[in-house]
């Protein structure tokens, strides 16, 4: 099985984050594409995107650097699909 760069980043981030927090913030992320200098990752909500960027950006950057991709930027794209939306009705 071939892993993509996001799976490799997640494996490294998981080593430094509490398991419950990791599942909460990264469990619903999904690899979208890799253009070499940018990895696109889908996230379900804007709030998850903001939390990941504000709390884990340095850890993600360190993981990328450790994988030899220090110049790669991660772009998070909100998919708009979330189980949380069902709770609001």
C-alpha atoms as a PDB file:
ATOM      1  CA  UNK A   1       0.000   0.000   0.000  1.00  0.00           C
ATOM      2  CA  UNK A   2       1.359   3.377  -0.992  1.00  0.00           C
ATOM      3  CA  UNK A   3       0.993   6.184   1.506  1.00  0.00           C
ATOM      4  CA  UNK A   4       0.630   9.780   0.440  1.00  0.00           C
ATOM      5  CA  UNK A   5       2.535  12.692   1.946  1.00  0.00           C
ATOM      6  CA  UNK A   6      -0.388  13.641   4.215  1.00  0.00           C
ATOM      7  CA  UNK A   7      -0.474  10.147   5.731  1.00  0.00           C
ATOM      8  CA  UNK A   8       3.274  10.416   6.354  1.00  0.00           C
ATOM      9  CA  UNK A   9       2.815  13.838   7.988  1.00  0.00           C
ATOM     10  CA  UNK A  10      -0.025  12.531  10.149  1.00  0.00           C
ATOM     11  CA  UNK A  11       2.097   9.600  11.338  1.00  0.00           C
ATOM     12  CA  UNK A  12       4.763  12.049  12.530  1.00  0.00           C
ATOM     13  CA  UNK A  13       2.282  14.492  14.088  1.00  0.00           C
ATOM     14  CA  UNK A  14       0.540  11.641  15.942  1.00  0.00           C
ATOM     15  CA  UNK A  15       3.785  10.899  17.782  1.00  0.00           C
ATOM     16  CA  UNK A  16       3.562  14.286  19.517  1.00  0.00           C
ATOM     17  CA  UNK A  17      -0.179  14.744  20.085  1.00  0.00           C
ATOM     18  CA  UNK A  18      -2.525  13.097  22.586  1.00  0.00           C
ATOM     19  CA  UNK A  19      -4.441  10.314  20.800  1.00  0.00           C
ATOM     20  CA  UNK A  20      -7.878  11.770  21.570  1.00  0.00           C
ATOM     21  CA  UNK A  21      -6.823  15.237  20.386  1.00  0.00           C
ATOM     22  CA  UNK A  22      -5.284  13.750  17.271  1.00  0.00           C
ATOM     23  CA  UNK A  23      -8.523  11.958  16.383  1.00  0.00           C
ATOM     24  CA  UNK A  24     -10.579  15.057  17.167  1.00  0.00           C
ATOM     25  CA  UNK A  25      -8.599  17.414  14.938  1.00  0.00           C
ATOM     26  CA  UNK A  26      -7.094  15.193  12.263  1.00  0.00           C
ATOM     27  CA  UNK A  27      -9.493  12.249  12.073  1.00  0.00           C
ATOM     28  CA  UNK A  28     -11.725  13.851   9.454  1.00  0.00           C
ATOM     29  CA  UNK A  29      -8.947  15.307   7.304  1.00  0.00           C
ATOM     30  CA  UNK A  30      -8.349  13.782   3.896  1.00  0.00           C
ATOM     31  CA  UNK A  31      -5.553  14.007   1.369  1.00  0.00           C
ATOM     32  CA  UNK A  32      -6.641  15.771  -1.822  1.00  0.00           C
ATOM     33  CA  UNK A  33      -3.508  16.396  -3.915  1.00  0.00           C
ATOM     34  CA  UNK A  34       0.230  17.007  -3.965  1.00  0.00           C
ATOM     35  CA  UNK A  35       1.713  19.392  -6.534  1.00  0.00           C
ATOM     36  CA  UNK A  36       5.219  19.204  -5.093  1.00  0.00           C
ATOM     37  CA  UNK A  37       5.352  22.570  -3.360  1.00  0.00           C
ATOM     38  CA  UNK A  38       1.777  22.379  -2.038  1.00  0.00           C
ATOM     39  CA  UNK A  39      -0.224  19.593  -0.441  1.00  0.00           C
ATOM     40  CA  UNK A  40      -3.982  20.103  -0.417  1.00  0.00           C
ATOM     41  CA  UNK A  41      -5.938  18.569   2.455  1.00  0.00           C
ATOM     42  CA  UNK A  42      -9.703  18.504   2.887  1.00  0.00           C
ATOM     43  CA  UNK A  43     -11.156  19.399   6.292  1.00  0.00           C
ATOM     44  CA  UNK A  44     -14.844  19.255   7.226  1.00  0.00           C
ATOM     45  CA  UNK A  45     -15.305  22.670   8.870  1.00  0.00           C
ATOM     46  CA  UNK A  46     -13.769  26.106   9.044  1.00  0.00           C
ATOM     47  CA  UNK A  47     -13.352  25.767  12.817  1.00  0.00           C
ATOM     48  CA  UNK A  48     -11.289  22.580  12.441  1.00  0.00           C
ATOM     49  CA  UNK A  49      -9.192  24.291   9.769  1.00  0.00           C
ATOM     50  CA  UNK A  50      -8.550  27.283  12.049  1.00  0.00           C
ATOM     51  CA  UNK A  51      -7.657  25.052  14.995  1.00  0.00           C
ATOM     52  CA  UNK A  52      -5.225  22.917  12.998  1.00  0.00           C
ATOM     53  CA  UNK A  53      -3.526  25.975  11.502  1.00  0.00           C
ATOM     54  CA  UNK A  54      -3.277  27.852  14.812  1.00  0.00           C
ATOM     55  CA  UNK A  55      -2.244  24.920  17.016  1.00  0.00           C
ATOM     56  CA  UNK A  56      -0.437  22.442  14.775  1.00  0.00           C
ATOM     57  CA  UNK A  57       1.110  24.450  11.933  1.00  0.00           C
ATOM     58  CA  UNK A  58       4.618  24.268  13.437  1.00  0.00           C
ATOM     59  CA  UNK A  59       4.287  20.517  14.086  1.00  0.00           C
ATOM     60  CA  UNK A  60       3.084  19.961  10.492  1.00  0.00           C
ATOM     61  CA  UNK A  61       6.006  22.020   9.184  1.00  0.00           C
ATOM     62  CA  UNK A  62       8.459  19.998  11.263  1.00  0.00           C
ATOM     63  CA  UNK A  63       6.946  16.762   9.955  1.00  0.00           C
ATOM     64  CA  UNK A  64       7.293  17.962   6.364  1.00  0.00           C
ATOM     65  CA  UNK A  65      10.896  19.015   6.988  1.00  0.00           C
ATOM     66  CA  UNK A  66      11.636  15.612   8.480  1.00  0.00           C
ATOM     67  CA  UNK A  67      10.263  14.028   5.322  1.00  0.00           C
ATOM     68  CA  UNK A  68      12.522  16.157   3.138  1.00  0.00           C
ATOM     69  CA  UNK A  69       9.669  18.469   2.139  1.00  0.00           C
ATOM     70  CA  UNK A  70      10.531  21.549   4.193  1.00  0.00           C
ATOM     71  CA  UNK A  71       9.526  23.934   1.399  1.00  0.00           C
ATOM     72  CA  UNK A  72       6.097  22.349   0.971  1.00  0.00           C
ATOM     73  CA  UNK A  73       3.022  24.303   2.046  1.00  0.00           C
ATOM     74  CA  UNK A  74      -0.172  22.602   3.257  1.00  0.00           C
ATOM     75  CA  UNK A  75      -3.383  24.174   2.012  1.00  0.00           C
ATOM     76  CA  UNK A  76      -6.504  23.211   3.952  1.00  0.00           C
ATOM     77  CA  UNK A  77      -9.761  23.323   2.000  1.00  0.00           C
ATOM     78  CA  UNK A  78     -13.103  23.184   3.818  1.00  0.00           C
ATOM     79  CA  UNK A  79     -15.360  20.591   2.224  1.00  0.00           C
ATOM     80  CA  UNK A  80     -18.491  21.814   3.972  1.00  0.00           C
ATOM     81  CA  UNK A  81     -19.508  18.289   4.946  1.00  0.00           C
ATOM     82  CA  UNK A  82     -19.697  17.604   8.656  1.00  0.00           C
ATOM     83  CA  UNK A  83     -21.622  15.438  11.077  1.00  0.00           C
ATOM     84  CA  UNK A  84     -21.824  18.549  13.289  1.00  0.00           C
ATOM     85  CA  UNK A  85     -24.247  20.151  10.833  1.00  0.00           C
ATOM     86  CA  UNK A  86     -26.836  17.504  11.655  1.00  0.00           C
ATOM     87  CA  UNK A  87     -26.718  18.587  15.287  1.00  0.00           C
ATOM     88  CA  UNK A  88     -27.775  22.131  14.420  1.00  0.00           C
ATOM     89  CA  UNK A  89     -31.193  21.187  13.019  1.00  0.00           C
END
